[in-house]
Amino acid sequence: MSTPFLIGFTQSLLARLLADGLVAIAPSDHERVQVYVSNYLGTVARGGSLLSSLDAALLSCPEVEEVYCDLDRLKEVVEDLQG
């Protein structure tokens, strides 16, 4: 189950990934991907590595057309959002 924190985090993360050209998602699918990733983090990934879970969620989401970053780049984006 997703939480308000996970929804907000996912929204910020996806906005940044899209702005930096690190993921390809059709504009009509942005909200669907946000819900998918936040639910994934709140259920499947509970207690696991945030970065690995984010990567797995993006790769398994049917609406994500392509992911153009590795775990190191994803880590940089997450750390930048925390700053």
PDB file of N, CA and C in Angstrom:
ATOM      1  N   MET A   1       0.838  -1.172   0.000  1.00  0.00           N
ATOM      2  CA  MET A   1       0.000   0.000   0.000  1.00  0.00           C
ATOM      3  C   MET A   1       0.884   1.237   0.000  1.00  0.00           C
ATOM      4  N   SER A   2       0.505   2.181  -0.793  1.00  0.00           N
ATOM      5  CA  SER A   2       1.255   3.419  -0.894  1.00  0.00           C
ATOM      6  C   SER A   2       0.888   4.355   0.258  1.00  0.00           C
ATOM      7  N   THR A   3       1.774   5.291   0.536  1.00  0.00           N
ATOM      8  CA  THR A   3       1.537   6.297   1.570  1.00  0.00           C
ATOM      9  C   THR A   3       1.663   7.680   0.938  1.00  0.00           C
ATOM     10  N   PRO A   4       1.177   8.728   1.601  1.00  0.00           N
ATOM     11  CA  PRO A   4       1.354  10.080   1.057  1.00  0.00           C
ATOM     12  C   PRO A   4       2.829  10.421   0.808  1.00  0.00           C
ATOM     13  N   PHE A   5       3.710   9.950   1.699  1.00  0.00           N
ATOM     14  CA  PHE A   5       5.143  10.198   1.501  1.00  0.00           C
ATOM     15  C   PHE A   5       5.628   9.544   0.207  1.00  0.00           C
ATOM     16  N   LEU A   6       5.285   8.269   0.003  1.00  0.00           N
ATOM     17  CA  LEU A   6       5.726   7.558  -1.197  1.00  0.00           C
ATOM     18  C   LEU A   6       5.161   8.193  -2.463  1.00  0.00           C
ATOM     19  N   ILE A   7       3.931   8.633  -2.407  1.00  0.00           N
ATOM     20  CA  ILE A   7       3.327   9.293  -3.578  1.00  0.00           C
ATOM     21  C   ILE A   7       4.078  10.584  -3.896  1.00  0.00           C
ATOM     22  N   GLY A   8       4.346  11.389  -2.876  1.00  0.00           N
ATOM     23  CA  GLY A   8       5.081  12.640  -3.089  1.00  0.00           C
ATOM     24  C   GLY A   8       6.497  12.395  -3.582  1.00  0.00           C
ATOM     25  N   PHE A   9       7.172  11.423  -2.979  1.00  0.00           N
ATOM     26  CA  PHE A   9       8.530  11.078  -3.403  1.00  0.00           C
ATOM     27  C   PHE A   9       8.533  10.610  -4.849  1.00  0.00           C
ATOM     28  N   THR A  10       7.614   9.724  -5.191  1.00  0.00           N
ATOM     29  CA  THR A  10       7.548   9.183  -6.545  1.00  0.00           C
ATOM     30  C   THR A  10       7.232  10.277  -7.553  1.00  0.00           C
ATOM     31  N   GLN A  11       6.342  11.175  -7.203  1.00  0.00           N
ATOM     32  CA  GLN A  11       5.991  12.281  -8.093  1.00  0.00           C
ATOM     33  C   GLN A  11       7.228  13.144  -8.377  1.00  0.00           C
ATOM     34  N   SER A  12       7.965  13.491  -7.327  1.00  0.00           N
ATOM     35  CA  SER A  12       9.179  14.302  -7.503  1.00  0.00           C
ATOM     36  C   SER A  12      10.241  13.555  -8.303  1.00  0.00           C
ATOM     37  N   LEU A  13      10.405  12.283  -7.997  1.00  0.00           N
ATOM     38  CA  LEU A  13      11.404  11.476  -8.697  1.00  0.00           C
ATOM     39  C   LEU A  13      11.086  11.363 -10.181  1.00  0.00           C
ATOM     40  N   LEU A  14       9.854  11.036 -10.498  1.00  0.00           N
ATOM     41  CA  LEU A  14       9.491  10.881 -11.910  1.00  0.00           C
ATOM     42  C   LEU A  14       9.607  12.195 -12.661  1.00  0.00           C
ATOM     43  N   ALA A  15       9.212  13.291 -12.028  1.00  0.00           N
ATOM     44  CA  ALA A  15       9.347  14.603 -12.678  1.00  0.00           C
ATOM     45  C   ALA A  15      10.808  14.875 -13.012  1.00  0.00           C
ATOM     46  N   ARG A  16      11.699  14.558 -12.096  1.00  0.00           N
ATOM     47  CA  ARG A  16      13.131  14.776 -12.316  1.00  0.00           C
ATOM     48  C   ARG A  16      13.676  13.851 -13.395  1.00  0.00           C
ATOM     49  N   LEU A  17      13.296  12.552 -13.327  1.00  0.00           N
ATOM     50  CA  LEU A  17      13.763  11.605 -14.337  1.00  0.00           C
ATOM     51  C   LEU A  17      13.289  12.008 -15.728  1.00  0.00           C
ATOM     52  N   LEU A  18      12.067  12.466 -15.829  1.00  0.00           N
ATOM     53  CA  LEU A  18      11.534  12.911 -17.123  1.00  0.00           C
ATOM     54  C   LEU A  18      12.252  14.175 -17.603  1.00  0.00           C
ATOM     55  N   ALA A  19      12.450  15.130 -16.703  1.00  0.00           N
ATOM     56  CA  ALA A  19      13.122  16.384 -17.069  1.00  0.00           C
ATOM     57  C   ALA A  19      14.547  16.146 -17.537  1.00  0.00           C
ATOM     58  N   ASP A  20      15.211  15.162 -16.928  1.00  0.00           N
ATOM     59  CA  ASP A  20      16.594  14.850 -17.292  1.00  0.00           C
ATOM     60  C   ASP A  20      16.691  13.866 -18.460  1.00  0.00           C
ATOM     61  N   GLY A  21      15.550  13.420 -18.988  1.00  0.00           N
ATOM     62  CA  GLY A  21      15.547  12.481 -20.109  1.00  0.00           C
ATOM     63  C   GLY A  21      16.019  11.088 -19.738  1.00  0.00           C
ATOM     64  N   LEU A  22      15.811  10.694 -18.484  1.00  0.00           N
ATOM     65  CA  LEU A  22      16.304   9.404 -18.014  1.00  0.00           C
ATOM     66  C   LEU A  22      15.265   8.293 -18.103  1.00  0.00           C
ATOM     67  N   VAL A  23      14.023   8.652 -18.386  1.00  0.00           N
ATOM     68  CA  VAL A  23      12.964   7.666 -18.631  1.00  0.00           C
ATOM     69  C   VAL A  23      12.086   8.177 -19.762  1.00  0.00           C
ATOM     70  N   ALA A  24      11.476   7.243 -20.469  1.00  0.00           N
ATOM     71  CA  ALA A  24      10.514   7.586 -21.511  1.00  0.00           C
ATOM     72  C   ALA A  24       9.149   7.061 -21.081  1.00  0.00           C
ATOM     73  N   ILE A  25       8.214   7.999 -20.912  1.00  0.00           N
ATOM     74  CA  ILE A  25       6.844   7.674 -20.519  1.00  0.00           C
ATOM     75  C   ILE A  25       5.927   8.581 -21.315  1.00  0.00           C
ATOM     76  N   ALA A  26       4.890   8.011 -21.914  1.00  0.00           N
ATOM     77  CA  ALA A  26       3.918   8.826 -22.636  1.00  0.00           C
ATOM     78  C   ALA A  26       3.270   9.799 -21.655  1.00  0.00           C
ATOM     79  N   PRO A  27       3.059  11.050 -22.049  1.00  0.00           N
ATOM     80  CA  PRO A  27       2.449  12.033 -21.142  1.00  0.00           C
ATOM     81  C   PRO A  27       1.135  11.559 -20.519  1.00  0.00           C
ATOM     82  N   SER A  28       0.364  10.825 -21.254  1.00  0.00           N
ATOM     83  CA  SER A  28      -0.916  10.346 -20.722  1.00  0.00           C
ATOM     84  C   SER A  28      -0.741   9.261 -19.656  1.00  0.00           C
ATOM     85  N   ASP A  29       0.464   8.723 -19.526  1.00  0.00           N
ATOM     86  CA  ASP A  29       0.720   7.635 -18.576  1.00  0.00           C
ATOM     87  C   ASP A  29       1.458   8.072 -17.313  1.00  0.00           C
ATOM     88  N   HIS A  30       1.800   9.344 -17.188  1.00  0.00           N
ATOM     89  CA  HIS A  30       2.595   9.807 -16.047  1.00  0.00           C
ATOM     90  C   HIS A  30       1.944   9.449 -14.715  1.00  0.00           C
ATOM     91  N   GLU A  31       0.659   9.733 -14.570  1.00  0.00           N
ATOM     92  CA  GLU A  31      -0.013   9.464 -13.299  1.00  0.00           C
ATOM     93  C   GLU A  31      -0.082   7.961 -13.015  1.00  0.00           C
ATOM     94  N   ARG A  32      -0.315   7.175 -14.046  1.00  0.00           N
ATOM     95  CA  ARG A  32      -0.383   5.723 -13.881  1.00  0.00           C
ATOM     96  C   ARG A  32       0.963   5.169 -13.406  1.00  0.00           C
ATOM     97  N   VAL A  33       2.051   5.684 -13.959  1.00  0.00           N
ATOM     98  CA  VAL A  33       3.390   5.243 -13.548  1.00  0.00           C
ATOM     99  C   VAL A  33       3.653   5.662 -12.101  1.00  0.00           C
ATOM    100  N   GLN A  34       3.259   6.863 -11.745  1.00  0.00           N
ATOM    101  CA  GLN A  34       3.435   7.336 -10.367  1.00  0.00           C
ATOM    102  C   GLN A  34       2.729   6.407  -9.389  1.00  0.00           C
ATOM    103  N   VAL A  35       1.503   6.038  -9.676  1.00  0.00           N
ATOM    104  CA  VAL A  35       0.746   5.139  -8.806  1.00  0.00           C
ATOM    105  C   VAL A  35       1.413   3.764  -8.753  1.00  0.00           C
ATOM    106  N   TYR A  36       1.820   3.256  -9.901  1.00  0.00           N
ATOM    107  CA  TYR A  36       2.462   1.935  -9.960  1.00  0.00           C
ATOM    108  C   TYR A  36       3.731   1.900  -9.107  1.00  0.00           C
ATOM    109  N   VAL A  37       4.604   2.885  -9.308  1.00  0.00           N
ATOM    110  CA  VAL A  37       5.891   2.896  -8.600  1.00  0.00           C
ATOM    111  C   VAL A  37       5.677   3.085  -7.098  1.00  0.00           C
ATOM    112  N   SER A  38       4.801   3.999  -6.704  1.00  0.00           N
ATOM    113  CA  SER A  38       4.576   4.205  -5.271  1.00  0.00           C
ATOM    114  C   SER A  38       3.951   2.972  -4.626  1.00  0.00           C
ATOM    115  N   ASN A  39       3.047   2.305  -5.321  1.00  0.00           N
ATOM    116  CA  ASN A  39       2.472   1.066  -4.786  1.00  0.00           C
ATOM    117  C   ASN A  39       3.519  -0.035  -4.711  1.00  0.00           C
ATOM    118  N   TYR A  40       4.379  -0.113  -5.714  1.00  0.00           N
ATOM    119  CA  TYR A  40       5.462  -1.110  -5.717  1.00  0.00           C
ATOM    120  C   TYR A  40       6.360  -0.901  -4.501  1.00  0.00           C
ATOM    121  N   LEU A  41       6.750   0.340  -4.267  1.00  0.00           N
ATOM    122  CA  LEU A  41       7.623   0.639  -3.132  1.00  0.00           C
ATOM    123  C   LEU A  41       6.937   0.330  -1.804  1.00  0.00           C
ATOM    124  N   GLY A  42       5.626   0.540  -1.740  1.00  0.00           N
ATOM    125  CA  GLY A  42       4.899   0.323  -0.499  1.00  0.00           C
ATOM    126  C   GLY A  42       4.513  -1.118  -0.228  1.00  0.00           C
ATOM    127  N   THR A  43       4.611  -1.966  -1.234  1.00  0.00           N
ATOM    128  CA  THR A  43       4.200  -3.358  -1.041  1.00  0.00           C
ATOM    129  C   THR A  43       5.326  -4.331  -1.360  1.00  0.00           C
ATOM    130  N   VAL A  44       5.697  -4.442  -2.593  1.00  0.00           N
ATOM    131  CA  VAL A  44       6.690  -5.413  -3.042  1.00  0.00           C
ATOM    132  C   VAL A  44       8.063  -5.135  -2.429  1.00  0.00           C
ATOM    133  N   ALA A  45       8.430  -3.874  -2.341  1.00  0.00           N
ATOM    134  CA  ALA A  45       9.793  -3.510  -1.960  1.00  0.00           C
ATOM    135  C   ALA A  45       9.977  -3.216  -0.483  1.00  0.00           C
ATOM    136  N   ARG A  46       9.001  -3.440   0.327  1.00  0.00           N
ATOM    137  CA  ARG A  46       9.109  -3.097   1.750  1.00  0.00           C
ATOM    138  C   ARG A  46      10.323  -3.764   2.381  1.00  0.00           C
ATOM    139  N   GLY A  47      11.188  -2.924   2.957  1.00  0.00           N
ATOM    140  CA  GLY A  47      12.367  -3.439   3.635  1.00  0.00           C
ATOM    141  C   GLY A  47      13.560  -3.702   2.732  1.00  0.00           C
ATOM    142  N   GLY A  48      13.402  -3.527   1.440  1.00  0.00           N
ATOM    143  CA  GLY A  48      14.497  -3.764   0.513  1.00  0.00           C
ATOM    144  C   GLY A  48      15.258  -2.494   0.195  1.00  0.00           C
ATOM    145  N   SER A  49      16.213  -2.606  -0.662  1.00  0.00           N
ATOM    146  CA  SER A  49      17.008  -1.469  -1.112  1.00  0.00           C
ATOM    147  C   SER A  49      16.149  -0.517  -1.928  1.00  0.00           C
ATOM    148  N   LEU A  50      16.169   0.764  -1.570  1.00  0.00           N
ATOM    149  CA  LEU A  50      15.371   1.751  -2.285  1.00  0.00           C
ATOM    150  C   LEU A  50      15.773   1.819  -3.753  1.00  0.00           C
ATOM    151  N   LEU A  51      17.058   1.889  -4.022  1.00  0.00           N
ATOM    152  CA  LEU A  51      17.514   2.040  -5.406  1.00  0.00           C
ATOM    153  C   LEU A  51      17.186   0.820  -6.254  1.00  0.00           C
ATOM    154  N   SER A  52      17.456  -0.354  -5.731  1.00  0.00           N
ATOM    155  CA  SER A  52      17.131  -1.571  -6.477  1.00  0.00           C
ATOM    156  C   SER A  52      15.627  -1.693  -6.693  1.00  0.00           C
ATOM    157  N   SER A  53      14.861  -1.307  -5.692  1.00  0.00           N
ATOM    158  CA  SER A  53      13.407  -1.372  -5.804  1.00  0.00           C
ATOM    159  C   SER A  53      12.880  -0.371  -6.823  1.00  0.00           C
ATOM    160  N   LEU A  54      13.434   0.837  -6.826  1.00  0.00           N
ATOM    161  CA  LEU A  54      13.026   1.828  -7.827  1.00  0.00           C
ATOM    162  C   LEU A  54      13.342   1.329  -9.229  1.00  0.00           C
ATOM    163  N   ASP A  55      14.527   0.798  -9.393  1.00  0.00           N
ATOM    164  CA  ASP A  55      14.931   0.269 -10.693  1.00  0.00           C
ATOM    165  C   ASP A  55      13.987  -0.851 -11.131  1.00  0.00           C
ATOM    166  N   ALA A  56      13.694  -1.773 -10.229  1.00  0.00           N
ATOM    167  CA  ALA A  56      12.800  -2.885 -10.549  1.00  0.00           C
ATOM    168  C   ALA A  56      11.397  -2.393 -10.869  1.00  0.00           C
ATOM    169  N   ALA A  57      10.920  -1.414 -10.115  1.00  0.00           N
ATOM    170  CA  ALA A  57       9.579  -0.877 -10.354  1.00  0.00           C
ATOM    171  C   ALA A  57       9.495  -0.216 -11.727  1.00  0.00           C
ATOM    172  N   LEU A  58      10.495   0.584 -12.069  1.00  0.00           N
ATOM    173  CA  LEU A  58      10.488   1.252 -13.375  1.00  0.00           C
ATOM    174  C   LEU A  58      10.558   0.238 -14.513  1.00  0.00           C
ATOM    175  N   LEU A  59      11.397  -0.773 -14.344  1.00  0.00           N
ATOM    176  CA  LEU A  59      11.556  -1.773 -15.398  1.00  0.00           C
ATOM    177  C   LEU A  59      10.333  -2.672 -15.550  1.00  0.00           C
ATOM    178  N   SER A  60       9.599  -2.886 -14.473  1.00  0.00           N
ATOM    179  CA  SER A  60       8.431  -3.775 -14.550  1.00  0.00           C
ATOM    180  C   SER A  60       7.136  -3.046 -14.880  1.00  0.00           C
ATOM    181  N   CYS A  61       7.143  -1.732 -14.830  1.00  0.00           N
ATOM    182  CA  CYS A  61       5.925  -0.969 -15.116  1.00  0.00           C
ATOM    183  C   CYS A  61       5.636  -0.975 -16.615  1.00  0.00           C
ATOM    184  N   PRO A  62       4.466  -1.461 -17.020  1.00  0.00           N
ATOM    185  CA  PRO A  62       4.154  -1.559 -18.451  1.00  0.00           C
ATOM    186  C   PRO A  62       4.127  -0.208 -19.175  1.00  0.00           C
ATOM    187  N   GLU A  63       3.824   0.864 -18.451  1.00  0.00           N
ATOM    188  CA  GLU A  63       3.734   2.181 -19.088  1.00  0.00           C
ATOM    189  C   GLU A  63       5.081   2.877 -19.258  1.00  0.00           C
ATOM    190  N   VAL A  64       6.124   2.364 -18.636  1.00  0.00           N
ATOM    191  CA  VAL A  64       7.464   2.930 -18.819  1.00  0.00           C
ATOM    192  C   VAL A  64       8.028   2.347 -20.107  1.00  0.00           C
ATOM    193  N   GLU A  65       8.245   3.219 -21.069  1.00  0.00           N
ATOM    194  CA  GLU A  65       8.707   2.766 -22.383  1.00  0.00           C
ATOM    195  C   GLU A  65      10.188   2.403 -22.379  1.00  0.00           C
ATOM    196  N   GLU A  66      10.980   3.190 -21.642  1.00  0.00           N
ATOM    197  CA  GLU A  66      12.425   2.947 -21.616  1.00  0.00           C
ATOM    198  C   GLU A  66      13.026   3.619 -20.390  1.00  0.00           C
ATOM    199  N   VAL A  67      14.064   3.001 -19.832  1.00  0.00           N
ATOM    200  CA  VAL A  67      14.824   3.578 -18.720  1.00  0.00           C
ATOM    201  C   VAL A  67      16.241   3.794 -19.237  1.00  0.00           C
ATOM    202  N   TYR A  68      16.738   5.027 -19.116  1.00  0.00           N
ATOM    203  CA  TYR A  68      18.045   5.381 -19.655  1.00  0.00           C
ATOM    204  C   TYR A  68      19.076   5.663 -18.562  1.00  0.00           C
ATOM    205  N   CYS A  69      18.898   5.091 -17.383  1.00  0.00           N
ATOM    206  CA  CYS A  69      19.885   5.317 -16.325  1.00  0.00           C
ATOM    207  C   CYS A  69      20.174   4.015 -15.589  1.00  0.00           C
ATOM    208  N   ASP A  70      21.372   3.953 -15.035  1.00  0.00           N
ATOM    209  CA  ASP A  70      21.755   2.794 -14.232  1.00  0.00           C
ATOM    210  C   ASP A  70      21.562   3.139 -12.759  1.00  0.00           C
ATOM    211  N   LEU A  71      21.908   2.217 -11.891  1.00  0.00           N
ATOM    212  CA  LEU A  71      21.713   2.443 -10.454  1.00  0.00           C
ATOM    213  C   LEU A  71      22.543   3.618  -9.926  1.00  0.00           C
ATOM    214  N   ASP A  72      23.725   3.816 -10.468  1.00  0.00           N
ATOM    215  CA  ASP A  72      24.560   4.933 -10.009  1.00  0.00           C
ATOM    216  C   ASP A  72      23.912   6.274 -10.329  1.00  0.00           C
ATOM    217  N   ARG A  73      23.386   6.383 -11.531  1.00  0.00           N
ATOM    218  CA  ARG A  73      22.713   7.641 -11.915  1.00  0.00           C
ATOM    219  C   ARG A  73      21.422   7.820 -11.124  1.00  0.00           C
ATOM    220  N   LEU A  74      20.699   6.745 -10.912  1.00  0.00           N
ATOM    221  CA  LEU A  74      19.473   6.802 -10.121  1.00  0.00           C
ATOM    222  C   LEU A  74      19.795   7.254  -8.693  1.00  0.00           C
ATOM    223  N   LYS A  75      20.898   6.764  -8.156  1.00  0.00           N
ATOM    224  CA  LYS A  75      21.338   7.169  -6.818  1.00  0.00           C
ATOM    225  C   LYS A  75      21.614   8.665  -6.770  1.00  0.00           C
ATOM    226  N   GLU A  76      22.260   9.201  -7.791  1.00  0.00           N
ATOM    227  CA  GLU A  76      22.542  10.634  -7.851  1.00  0.00           C
ATOM    228  C   GLU A  76      21.254  11.450  -7.825  1.00  0.00           C
ATOM    229  N   VAL A  77      20.267  11.003  -8.579  1.00  0.00           N
ATOM    230  CA  VAL A  77      18.988  11.721  -8.635  1.00  0.00           C
ATOM    231  C   VAL A  77      18.294  11.679  -7.279  1.00  0.00           C
ATOM    232  N   VAL A  78      18.254  10.517  -6.652  1.00  0.00           N
ATOM    233  CA  VAL A  78      17.607  10.383  -5.338  1.00  0.00           C
ATOM    234  C   VAL A  78      18.332  11.250  -4.302  1.00  0.00           C
ATOM    235  N   GLU A  79      19.642  11.214  -4.306  1.00  0.00           N
ATOM    236  CA  GLU A  79      20.406  12.020  -3.362  1.00  0.00           C
ATOM    237  C   GLU A  79      20.188  13.506  -3.589  1.00  0.00           C
ATOM    238  N   ASP A  80      20.073  13.909  -4.851  1.00  0.00           N
ATOM    239  CA  ASP A  80      19.822  15.310  -5.167  1.00  0.00           C
ATOM    240  C   ASP A  80      18.436  15.729  -4.674  1.00  0.00           C
ATOM    241  N   LEU A  81      17.459  14.853  -4.759  1.00  0.00           N
ATOM    242  CA  LEU A  81      16.119  15.170  -4.260  1.00  0.00           C
ATOM    243  C   LEU A  81      16.113  15.317  -2.743  1.00  0.00           C
ATOM    244  N   GLN A  82      16.980  14.584  -2.074  1.00  0.00           N
ATOM    245  CA  GLN A  82      17.055  14.661  -0.618  1.00  0.00           C
ATOM    246  C   GLN A  82      17.716  15.953  -0.140  1.00  0.00           C
ATOM    247  N   GLY A  83      18.586  16.515  -0.993  1.00  0.00           N
ATOM    248  CA  GLY A  83      19.355  17.699  -0.612  1.00  0.00           C
ATOM    249  C   GLY A  83      18.547  18.901  -0.599  1.00  0.00           C
TER     250      GLY A  83
END
